[in-house]
Amino acid sequence: MNDQDKIKEIEKKITMVGIYDAPGAIMIGLALHAKFAANGKPLLEILNNPDVVNTFFVVGSLIMAWGGYSLFTLSREKSKLLNAKNV
């Protein structure tokens, strides 16, 4: 497998991480809306429960932290391959 194939594989992984990361961002967005903007009428009825809102914050944050870390490591690996190719 040459460097160009490795770069394409990394780009596919970056796309997949973005897709896996989306639910975390949605959860954070719903939790923020329920906590600060809903005034007792959140988008989902279940978000009237503060425990559920806090759970959305925690789980969404964990998903987004994993996604950020994965994107960082994949981007660094891609950068190393691109720099090695240019040297």
Protein backbone atom coordinates (compact mmCIF):
# COMPACT_ATOMS: atom_id res chain seq x y z
CA MET A 1 0.00 0.00 0.00
CA ASN A 2 1.56 3.29 -1.07
CA ASP A 3 1.27 6.68 0.60
CA GLN A 4 -1.51 7.88 -1.70
CA ASP A 5 -3.67 4.86 -0.76
CA LYS A 6 -2.95 5.47 2.92
CA ILE A 7 -4.01 9.11 2.57
CA LYS A 8 -7.27 8.07 0.88
CA GLU A 9 -7.92 5.57 3.69
CA ILE A 10 -7.28 8.26 6.32
CA GLU A 11 -9.67 10.62 4.53
CA LYS A 12 -12.36 7.92 4.60
CA LYS A 13 -11.77 7.44 8.33
CA ILE A 14 -12.00 11.22 8.89
CA THR A 15 -15.37 11.24 7.11
CA MET A 16 -16.62 8.34 9.23
CA VAL A 17 -15.48 10.03 12.45
CA GLY A 18 -17.43 13.12 11.39
CA ILE A 19 -20.55 10.99 10.91
CA TYR A 20 -20.05 9.23 14.27
CA ASP A 21 -19.44 12.59 15.95
CA ALA A 22 -22.71 14.14 14.72
CA PRO A 23 -24.98 12.58 17.40
CA GLY A 24 -22.78 14.07 20.11
CA ALA A 25 -23.16 17.54 18.62
CA ILE A 26 -26.91 17.04 18.30
CA MET A 27 -27.16 15.92 21.93
CA ILE A 28 -25.20 18.97 23.11
CA GLY A 29 -27.39 21.23 20.99
CA LEU A 30 -30.62 19.74 22.35
CA ALA A 31 -29.33 19.95 25.91
CA LEU A 32 -28.29 23.59 25.50
CA HIS A 33 -31.65 24.45 24.01
CA ALA A 34 -33.53 22.66 26.80
CA LYS A 35 -31.40 24.25 29.53
CA PHE A 36 -31.24 27.84 28.33
CA ALA A 37 -33.78 28.60 25.62
CA ALA A 38 -36.81 26.34 25.92
CA ASN A 39 -38.58 28.03 28.87
CA GLY A 40 -40.29 24.77 29.78
CA LYS A 41 -41.04 23.78 26.17
CA PRO A 42 -38.01 21.87 24.83
CA LEU A 43 -37.95 20.26 21.40
CA LEU A 44 -38.30 16.82 23.01
CA GLU A 45 -40.64 16.30 25.96
CA ILE A 46 -38.11 14.05 27.70
CA LEU A 47 -35.80 17.06 28.02
CA ASN A 48 -38.05 18.54 30.71
CA ASN A 49 -36.18 16.24 33.10
CA PRO A 50 -32.93 17.89 34.31
CA ASP A 51 -31.27 14.50 34.77
CA VAL A 52 -31.84 13.67 31.12
CA VAL A 53 -30.47 17.07 30.06
CA ASN A 54 -27.35 16.53 32.16
CA THR A 55 -26.95 13.04 30.70
CA PHE A 56 -27.18 14.52 27.20
CA PHE A 57 -24.42 16.97 28.15
CA VAL A 58 -22.14 14.22 29.48
CA VAL A 59 -22.71 11.66 26.73
CA GLY A 60 -22.59 14.29 23.98
CA SER A 61 -19.37 15.71 25.40
CA LEU A 62 -17.77 12.27 25.56
CA ILE A 63 -18.73 11.52 21.96
CA MET A 64 -17.40 14.88 20.81
CA ALA A 65 -14.18 14.46 22.80
CA TRP A 66 -13.61 11.06 21.18
CA GLY A 67 -14.34 12.58 17.77
CA GLY A 68 -11.97 15.47 18.35
CA TYR A 69 -9.19 13.19 19.50
CA SER A 70 -9.72 10.86 16.54
CA LEU A 71 -9.74 13.73 14.07
CA PHE A 72 -6.58 15.14 15.61
CA THR A 73 -4.69 11.85 15.41
CA LEU A 74 -5.88 11.09 11.87
CA SER A 75 -5.02 14.60 10.69
CA ARG A 76 -1.57 14.32 12.24
CA GLU A 77 -1.01 10.97 10.54
CA LYS A 78 -2.15 12.41 7.20
CA SER A 79 0.12 15.41 7.66
CA LYS A 80 3.11 13.14 8.34
CA LEU A 81 2.42 11.21 5.15
CA LEU A 82 2.07 14.39 3.12
CA ASN A 83 5.26 15.86 4.59
CA ALA A 84 7.20 12.64 3.97
CA LYS A 85 6.00 12.64 0.40
CA ASN A 86 7.11 16.24 -0.17
CA VAL A 87 10.59 15.82 1.37
